[in-house]
């Protein structure tokens, strides 16, 4: 089901002229641990059996930095990798820096979600964005125009 939804969203974006930036490479680990062995992988090579994609790779990071650099509004929801493990924090650290730079040049930047807010704080940018919220799913639902039960109750 998930793959079907992804393709539907990509088709909608294409039909509307919206460019979607997806990762092209990854920093992989052989176990979910800070002392994991690492290995690079690309979309072409695939992630090796028994390994997990744990962070964005260097080419993906460049693509994201470029996209953020030209954006007027950035909604960052979800870290790039397992930022709690230093060797898999590179992508999230780069995203944090790019989002802070976008804010400095006048973009509206929103950090949403507990993990993302924690990453922003870890990398010192939680106060260098327009808004930082621990509400991840609720933030996205609000942006979708959905009614939030808690807000509706306050408005009644």
Foldseek 3Di string as FASTA:
>chain_A
DVVVVVVVVVVVCVVVVHDDQDAFKAWKFLDPDLPTDTDIDGPVRDDDPSIDRFAGDPVSLVVLLVVLQPDQEEEAADARGPCVRPVRVVSRLSNLVSQLVSVVVRHAYEYEAQVNCVSNVVNVCNVSHNYYYNHRVVVVCVVVVHDDVVVVVVVD
